[in-house]
N, C-alpha and C. Protein backbone atom coordinates (compact mmCIF):
# COMPACT_ATOMS: atom_id res chain seq x y z
N MET A 1 1.04 -0.84 -0.15
CA MET A 1 -0.01 0.22 0.12
C MET A 1 1.09 1.50 -0.28
N ARG A 2 0.22 1.86 -0.85
CA ARG A 2 1.06 3.93 -0.88
C ARG A 2 0.77 5.10 0.14
N ALA A 3 2.15 5.57 0.52
CA ALA A 3 1.48 6.16 1.89
C ALA A 3 1.00 7.29 1.32
N GLU A 4 0.49 8.18 1.92
CA GLU A 4 -0.25 9.88 1.14
C GLU A 4 1.38 10.20 0.94
N SER A 5 0.94 10.48 -0.01
CA SER A 5 2.71 11.56 -0.66
C SER A 5 2.70 13.35 0.30
N GLY A 6 1.88 13.75 0.86
CA GLY A 6 1.63 15.06 1.41
C GLY A 6 2.04 14.71 3.21
N SER A 7 1.89 14.06 3.66
CA SER A 7 1.75 13.88 4.91
C SER A 7 3.51 13.99 6.00
N GLY A 8 3.73 13.59 5.08
CA GLY A 8 5.56 13.23 5.65
C GLY A 8 5.70 12.77 7.24
N GLY A 9 4.53 11.90 7.98
CA GLY A 9 4.96 10.92 8.97
C GLY A 9 4.14 12.20 10.25
N ARG A 10 3.73 13.48 9.82
CA ARG A 10 2.99 14.08 10.66
C ARG A 10 1.30 13.06 11.23
N GLN A 11 1.09 14.35 12.19
CA GLN A 11 0.05 13.84 12.71
C GLN A 11 -1.41 14.47 11.73
N PRO A 12 -2.22 13.81 11.57
CA PRO A 12 -3.38 15.32 10.33
C PRO A 12 -3.54 16.14 11.82
N GLY A 13 -3.81 16.95 11.54
CA GLY A 13 -4.36 18.83 12.16
C GLY A 13 -2.93 19.64 12.72
N LYS A 14 -1.82 19.02 12.61
CA LYS A 14 -1.08 19.57 13.44
C LYS A 14 0.03 19.96 12.38
N SER A 15 -0.13 21.64 12.01
CA SER A 15 0.86 22.47 11.59
C SER A 15 1.50 22.97 11.89
N ARG A 16 3.03 22.72 10.83
CA ARG A 16 4.57 23.47 11.29
C ARG A 16 4.76 24.49 11.40
N ARG A 17 3.54 25.07 10.64
CA ARG A 17 3.80 26.71 10.12
C ARG A 17 4.93 27.27 11.20
N PHE A 18 3.59 27.82 12.24
CA PHE A 18 3.22 28.64 12.85
C PHE A 18 3.44 27.73 14.93
N GLN A 19 4.00 28.00 15.33
CA GLN A 19 4.26 27.60 16.87
C GLN A 19 3.96 28.59 17.54
N LEU A 20 3.16 28.73 18.72
CA LEU A 20 3.39 30.15 19.45
C LEU A 20 4.09 29.78 20.74
N THR A 21 4.18 30.62 21.00
CA THR A 21 5.36 30.22 22.48
C THR A 21 4.56 30.73 23.39
N ARG A 22 4.63 30.12 24.54
CA ARG A 22 3.47 30.39 25.77
C ARG A 22 4.33 30.60 26.59
N ASP A 23 5.69 30.56 26.59
CA ASP A 23 6.61 31.18 27.87
C ASP A 23 8.14 31.19 27.34
N THR A 24 8.75 32.58 28.26
CA THR A 24 9.86 33.02 28.06
C THR A 24 11.00 32.59 29.22
N ALA A 25 12.16 32.44 28.82
CA ALA A 25 12.75 31.69 29.68
C ALA A 25 13.25 32.79 30.73
N ARG A 26 13.58 32.39 31.59
CA ARG A 26 14.25 34.10 32.62
C ARG A 26 16.03 33.83 31.94
N PRO A 27 16.54 35.33 31.89
CA PRO A 27 17.63 35.32 31.22
C PRO A 27 18.63 34.94 32.46
N GLU A 28 19.42 34.08 32.22
CA GLU A 28 20.70 33.31 32.60
C GLU A 28 20.78 34.36 33.66
N GLY A 29 21.06 34.57 35.24
CA GLY A 29 21.50 35.38 36.31
C GLY A 29 20.38 36.16 36.47
N GLY A 30 19.34 36.16 35.66
CA GLY A 30 17.99 36.51 36.31
C GLY A 30 16.97 36.35 37.44
N GLY A 31 17.69 35.55 38.58
CA GLY A 31 17.51 35.34 39.80
C GLY A 31 17.97 36.32 40.88
N ARG A 32 17.32 36.01 41.92
CA ARG A 32 17.37 37.17 42.58
C ARG A 32 18.21 37.29 43.29
N ALA A 33 19.21 38.46 43.34
CA ALA A 33 20.48 39.24 43.96
C ALA A 33 20.70 39.01 45.26
N ALA A 34 19.54 38.67 45.77
CA ALA A 34 19.31 38.40 47.68
C ALA A 34 18.79 37.69 47.70
N PRO A 35 18.39 36.61 48.72
CA PRO A 35 17.67 35.83 49.08
C PRO A 35 16.21 36.40 49.57
N GLY A 36 14.93 35.35 48.97
CA GLY A 36 14.20 35.79 48.84
C GLY A 36 12.79 36.67 50.32
N ASP A 37 13.91 36.57 51.27
CA ASP A 37 13.22 36.80 52.26
C ASP A 37 13.71 38.69 52.85
N ALA A 38 14.84 39.14 51.82
CA ALA A 38 15.54 40.25 51.95
C ALA A 38 13.97 41.25 50.78
N PRO A 39 14.15 42.33 51.91
CA PRO A 39 13.38 43.56 51.13
C PRO A 39 13.62 43.90 50.09
N ALA A 40 12.42 44.13 48.91
CA ALA A 40 12.67 44.23 47.13
C ALA A 40 13.59 45.35 46.74
N PRO A 41 13.81 46.06 47.79
CA PRO A 41 15.24 46.76 47.22
C PRO A 41 16.40 46.00 47.38
N ALA A 42 16.87 45.61 47.98
CA ALA A 42 17.94 44.96 48.43
C ALA A 42 17.66 43.00 47.76
N ARG A 43 17.19 43.03 47.01
CA ARG A 43 16.65 42.14 45.58
C ARG A 43 17.48 42.30 44.82
N GLN A 44 17.46 43.39 44.62
CA GLN A 44 17.96 44.43 43.01
C GLN A 44 18.55 45.04 42.93
N TRP A 45 19.61 44.91 43.85
CA TRP A 45 21.02 45.99 44.21
C TRP A 45 21.57 46.35 42.67
N PRO A 46 21.69 45.07 42.46
CA PRO A 46 22.89 45.35 41.61
C PRO A 46 22.30 46.55 39.98
N LEU A 47 20.74 46.18 39.62
CA LEU A 47 20.09 47.01 38.91
C LEU A 47 20.02 48.85 39.65
N LEU A 48 20.27 48.49 40.88
CA LEU A 48 19.24 50.01 41.66
C LEU A 48 21.69 50.54 41.70
N THR A 49 22.50 50.19 41.64
CA THR A 49 23.54 50.68 41.73
C THR A 49 23.75 51.46 40.15
N VAL A 50 23.46 50.26 39.28
CA VAL A 50 23.48 51.07 38.04
C VAL A 50 22.89 52.07 37.58
N LEU A 51 21.34 51.88 37.97
CA LEU A 51 20.51 53.32 38.13
C LEU A 51 21.05 54.63 39.06
N GLY A 52 21.50 54.26 39.88
CA GLY A 52 21.71 55.14 40.71
C GLY A 52 23.03 55.85 40.90
N VAL A 53 23.88 55.33 40.09
CA VAL A 53 25.39 55.85 39.59
C VAL A 53 24.68 56.86 37.95
N THR A 54 23.90 56.26 37.85
CA THR A 54 23.29 56.85 36.34
C THR A 54 22.67 58.39 36.62
N GLY A 55 22.23 58.00 37.50
CA GLY A 55 20.84 59.26 37.92
C GLY A 55 21.96 60.44 38.49
N VAL A 56 23.46 59.90 38.79
CA VAL A 56 24.04 61.03 39.84
C VAL A 56 24.80 61.85 38.58
N GLY A 57 25.37 60.57 37.36
CA GLY A 57 26.21 61.51 36.41
C GLY A 57 24.71 62.48 35.77
N LEU A 58 23.34 62.05 35.42
CA LEU A 58 22.84 62.91 34.51
C LEU A 58 22.18 64.24 35.83
N LEU A 59 22.44 63.91 36.88
CA LEU A 59 22.30 65.26 37.65
C LEU A 59 23.61 66.13 37.73
N VAL A 60 24.55 65.66 37.80
CA VAL A 60 26.24 66.53 37.85
C VAL A 60 26.21 66.46 36.57
N VAL A 61 25.32 66.17 34.83
CA VAL A 61 25.50 67.05 33.99
C VAL A 61 23.84 68.16 33.77
N SER A 62 23.51 68.64 34.84
CA SER A 62 22.34 68.91 34.60
C SER A 62 22.66 70.43 35.74
N LEU A 63 23.45 70.16 36.30
CA LEU A 63 24.21 70.90 37.09
C LEU A 63 25.66 71.96 36.37
N ASP A 64 25.59 71.65 35.39
CA ASP A 64 26.62 71.91 34.08
C ASP A 64 28.28 71.54 34.15
N ALA A 65 28.24 70.48 34.50
CA ALA A 65 29.55 70.11 34.57
C ALA A 65 29.28 68.57 33.22
N PHE A 66 28.88 68.89 32.69
CA PHE A 66 28.63 67.63 30.79
C PHE A 66 29.32 66.36 31.13
N ARG A 67 31.30 67.09 31.61
CA ARG A 67 32.13 65.71 31.10
C ARG A 67 32.33 64.70 32.29
N VAL A 68 32.44 65.37 33.86
CA VAL A 68 31.87 64.54 34.77
C VAL A 68 30.44 63.50 34.27
N GLY A 69 29.93 64.51 33.89
CA GLY A 69 28.72 63.35 34.09
C GLY A 69 28.89 62.69 33.61
N THR A 70 28.98 62.60 32.55
CA THR A 70 28.35 61.20 31.18
C THR A 70 29.91 60.36 31.59
N LEU A 71 30.94 61.22 31.98
CA LEU A 71 31.88 60.02 32.51
C LEU A 71 31.22 58.77 33.46
N LEU A 72 30.55 59.49 34.41
CA LEU A 72 29.74 58.58 35.37
C LEU A 72 29.11 57.96 34.66
N ILE A 73 28.48 58.41 33.71
CA ILE A 73 27.62 57.68 32.82
C ILE A 73 27.97 56.42 32.30
N GLY A 74 29.05 56.54 31.80
CA GLY A 74 29.97 55.48 31.02
C GLY A 74 30.31 54.38 31.81
N LEU A 75 30.77 55.06 33.34
CA LEU A 75 31.16 54.24 34.20
C LEU A 75 30.33 52.67 34.71
N ALA A 76 28.81 54.10 34.96
CA ALA A 76 27.54 53.23 35.41
C ALA A 76 27.66 51.95 34.36
N MET A 77 27.79 51.76 33.30
CA MET A 77 27.03 51.02 32.24
C MET A 77 28.58 49.90 32.06
N VAL A 78 29.71 50.68 32.42
CA VAL A 78 30.72 49.52 32.39
C VAL A 78 30.48 48.75 33.47
N GLY A 79 30.32 49.65 34.33
CA GLY A 79 30.10 48.94 35.77
C GLY A 79 28.72 47.92 35.84
N GLY A 80 28.17 48.36 35.42
CA GLY A 80 27.13 46.98 34.99
C GLY A 80 27.32 46.11 33.91
N ALA A 81 27.71 45.90 33.14
CA ALA A 81 28.68 45.22 32.30
C ALA A 81 29.68 44.03 33.57
N VAL A 82 30.50 44.69 33.94
CA VAL A 82 31.29 44.13 35.00
C VAL A 82 30.50 43.23 36.45
N LEU A 83 29.20 43.74 36.94
CA LEU A 83 28.40 43.12 37.80
C LEU A 83 27.61 41.78 36.99
N ARG A 84 27.21 42.02 35.21
CA ARG A 84 26.61 41.32 35.30
C ARG A 84 27.91 39.64 34.51
N TRP A 85 29.50 39.93 34.86
CA TRP A 85 30.07 38.90 34.43
C TRP A 85 30.45 38.31 35.93
N ALA A 86 30.60 39.42 37.12
CA ALA A 86 30.79 38.77 38.13
C ALA A 86 29.85 38.14 38.77
N LEU A 87 28.73 37.92 38.58
CA LEU A 87 28.38 37.98 39.63
C LEU A 87 27.10 36.66 39.50
N PRO A 88 26.50 35.73 40.04
CA PRO A 88 25.77 34.52 39.30
C PRO A 88 24.40 35.29 38.99
N SER A 89 23.93 35.84 39.73
CA SER A 89 22.66 36.16 39.86
C SER A 89 22.51 37.71 39.87
N VAL A 90 21.91 38.52 38.99
CA VAL A 90 22.03 39.64 39.24
C VAL A 90 20.57 40.34 39.18
N GLY A 91 19.91 39.67 39.01
CA GLY A 91 18.38 40.36 38.88
C GLY A 91 18.00 40.83 37.74
N MET A 92 16.74 41.95 37.97
CA MET A 92 16.67 42.62 36.87
C MET A 92 17.50 43.54 35.63
N LEU A 93 19.25 43.50 36.21
CA LEU A 93 19.78 43.75 35.54
C LEU A 93 20.35 42.76 34.45
N ALA A 94 19.67 41.16 34.35
CA ALA A 94 19.77 40.08 33.32
C ALA A 94 18.50 40.64 32.48
N VAL A 95 19.06 40.74 31.83
CA VAL A 95 18.08 41.27 30.60
C VAL A 95 17.64 39.92 29.44
N ARG A 96 19.44 39.62 28.64
CA ARG A 96 19.33 38.95 27.51
C ARG A 96 20.60 37.58 28.16
N SER A 97 20.94 37.06 27.25
CA SER A 97 21.78 35.92 27.45
C SER A 97 23.66 36.84 27.97
N ARG A 98 23.72 36.42 29.13
CA ARG A 98 24.97 37.05 29.97
C ARG A 98 26.21 37.69 28.92
N PHE A 99 26.56 36.71 27.95
CA PHE A 99 27.44 37.33 26.85
C PHE A 99 26.89 38.72 26.23
N THR A 100 25.55 38.67 25.98
CA THR A 100 24.59 39.48 25.43
C THR A 100 24.58 40.69 25.77
N ASP A 101 24.55 40.87 27.08
CA ASP A 101 24.48 41.82 28.30
C ASP A 101 25.70 42.76 28.27
N MET A 102 26.68 41.48 28.39
CA MET A 102 27.52 42.16 28.70
C MET A 102 28.81 43.13 27.52
N ILE A 103 27.89 42.66 26.49
CA ILE A 103 28.65 43.08 25.11
C ILE A 103 28.11 44.30 25.34
N THR A 104 26.73 44.04 25.30
CA THR A 104 25.91 45.79 25.00
C THR A 104 26.03 46.69 26.35
N TYR A 105 25.74 46.48 26.95
CA TYR A 105 26.72 47.20 28.58
C TYR A 105 28.52 47.37 28.01
N GLY A 106 28.79 47.15 28.49
CA GLY A 106 29.80 47.20 27.60
C GLY A 106 30.83 48.40 26.62
N GLY A 107 29.92 47.74 25.49
CA GLY A 107 30.07 48.43 24.20
C GLY A 107 29.68 50.38 24.74
N LEU A 108 28.19 50.12 24.90
CA LEU A 108 27.85 51.16 25.06
C LEU A 108 28.71 52.53 26.54
N GLY A 109 29.12 51.36 27.17
CA GLY A 109 29.46 52.55 28.17
C GLY A 109 31.27 52.36 27.88
N ALA A 110 31.90 52.19 26.90
CA ALA A 110 32.56 52.55 26.57
C ALA A 110 32.81 53.98 25.33
N ALA A 111 31.68 53.28 24.40
CA ALA A 111 31.34 54.68 23.74
C ALA A 111 30.77 55.55 24.24
N ILE A 112 30.50 55.63 25.13
CA ILE A 112 30.12 57.19 25.78
C ILE A 112 31.08 57.33 26.82
N LEU A 113 31.74 56.29 27.49
CA LEU A 113 33.29 57.21 27.96
C LEU A 113 34.71 58.37 26.53
N LEU A 114 34.51 56.94 25.87
CA LEU A 114 35.43 57.88 24.26
C LEU A 114 34.03 58.98 24.18
N LEU A 115 33.25 59.22 24.00
CA LEU A 115 32.63 60.44 23.47
C LEU A 115 32.90 61.74 24.29
N SER A 116 32.84 61.12 25.89
CA SER A 116 32.94 61.94 26.71
C SER A 116 34.12 62.36 26.81
N LEU A 117 35.43 61.92 26.25
CA LEU A 117 36.47 62.53 26.78
C LEU A 117 36.84 63.08 25.36
N MET A 118 36.35 62.64 24.45
CA MET A 118 36.52 63.26 23.07
C MET A 118 35.46 64.85 22.75
N ALA A 119 35.03 65.41 24.03
CA ALA A 119 34.13 66.50 23.49
C ALA A 119 34.37 67.54 24.06
N GLN A 120 33.91 68.24 22.81
CA GLN A 120 34.76 69.92 22.42
C GLN A 120 34.17 70.40 23.62
N PRO A 121 34.08 71.46 24.22
CA PRO A 121 35.92 72.21 23.65
C PRO A 121 36.70 71.67 24.57
N HIS A 122 37.98 71.47 24.29
CA HIS A 122 39.20 71.21 25.14
C HIS A 122 39.11 69.66 25.68
N PRO A 123 39.10 69.09 24.44
CA PRO A 123 39.00 67.42 24.50
C PRO A 123 40.07 67.18 25.49
N TRP A 124 39.80 66.20 26.38
CA TRP A 124 40.84 65.15 27.18
C TRP A 124 41.61 64.50 26.66
N LEU A 125 40.93 63.57 25.46
CA LEU A 125 41.67 62.93 24.41
C LEU A 125 41.29 63.49 23.01
N LYS A 126 42.46 62.99 22.19
CA LYS A 126 42.49 63.40 20.61
C LYS A 126 42.84 62.58 20.23
N ILE A 127 42.14 61.75 18.80
CA ILE A 127 42.44 60.83 18.64
C ILE A 127 42.27 61.46 17.08
N PRO A 128 43.55 61.20 16.59
CA PRO A 128 44.10 61.95 15.08
C PRO A 128 43.30 61.78 13.73
N PHE A 129 43.51 60.38 13.55
CA PHE A 129 42.59 59.99 12.55
C PHE A 129 40.82 60.88 12.74
N LEU A 130 40.40 60.60 13.89
CA LEU A 130 39.23 60.82 13.82
C LEU A 130 38.48 62.65 13.88
N GLU A 131 39.65 62.61 14.18
CA GLU A 131 39.51 64.04 13.63
C GLU A 131 39.38 64.55 11.97
N ASP A 132 40.17 63.59 11.37
CA ASP A 132 40.69 63.87 10.02
C ASP A 132 39.17 63.24 9.00
N VAL A 133 38.56 61.81 10.10
CA VAL A 133 37.14 61.54 9.67
C VAL A 133 36.15 62.21 9.60
N LEU A 134 36.21 63.32 10.95
CA LEU A 134 35.20 64.70 10.96
C LEU A 134 35.29 65.43 9.87
N HIS A 135 36.20 66.08 9.78
CA HIS A 135 36.83 67.27 8.63
C HIS A 135 36.37 66.95 7.17
N PHE A 136 36.63 65.17 7.20
CA PHE A 136 36.42 64.51 5.53
C PHE A 136 34.38 64.75 5.37
N THR A 137 33.50 64.22 6.79
CA THR A 137 32.94 64.31 6.43
C THR A 137 32.08 66.09 6.72
N VAL A 138 32.51 66.78 7.14
CA VAL A 138 31.56 68.17 7.15
C VAL A 138 32.17 68.83 6.12
């Protein structure tokens, strides 16, 4: 007897086209950073640390110290990458996989640090080829 050519061994009525996601897995390291009986802020101390330093940086920027404030913001991002690497559980600081979070936080933090060091007037860091690129594009 000949098998039906279109079934391919599947059960009737089951489609392979669209599988609906019913639930998502918690990111690696997304557990509580402190025991469950600790108060809520203590369980999320890594995220609160990064947000606190970023908030202080924004406050410093608003008080007219642009370079120092943006350096604090960049350091907060790099600090988030270090916390994500060093701690097994970082609470809500874990958004994606550990590797992706470290690359994202570290890359954005390094870019903010680099741009704040090169900001005009009187940059603290001068990279000659970047000045040439700027003059070429303008």
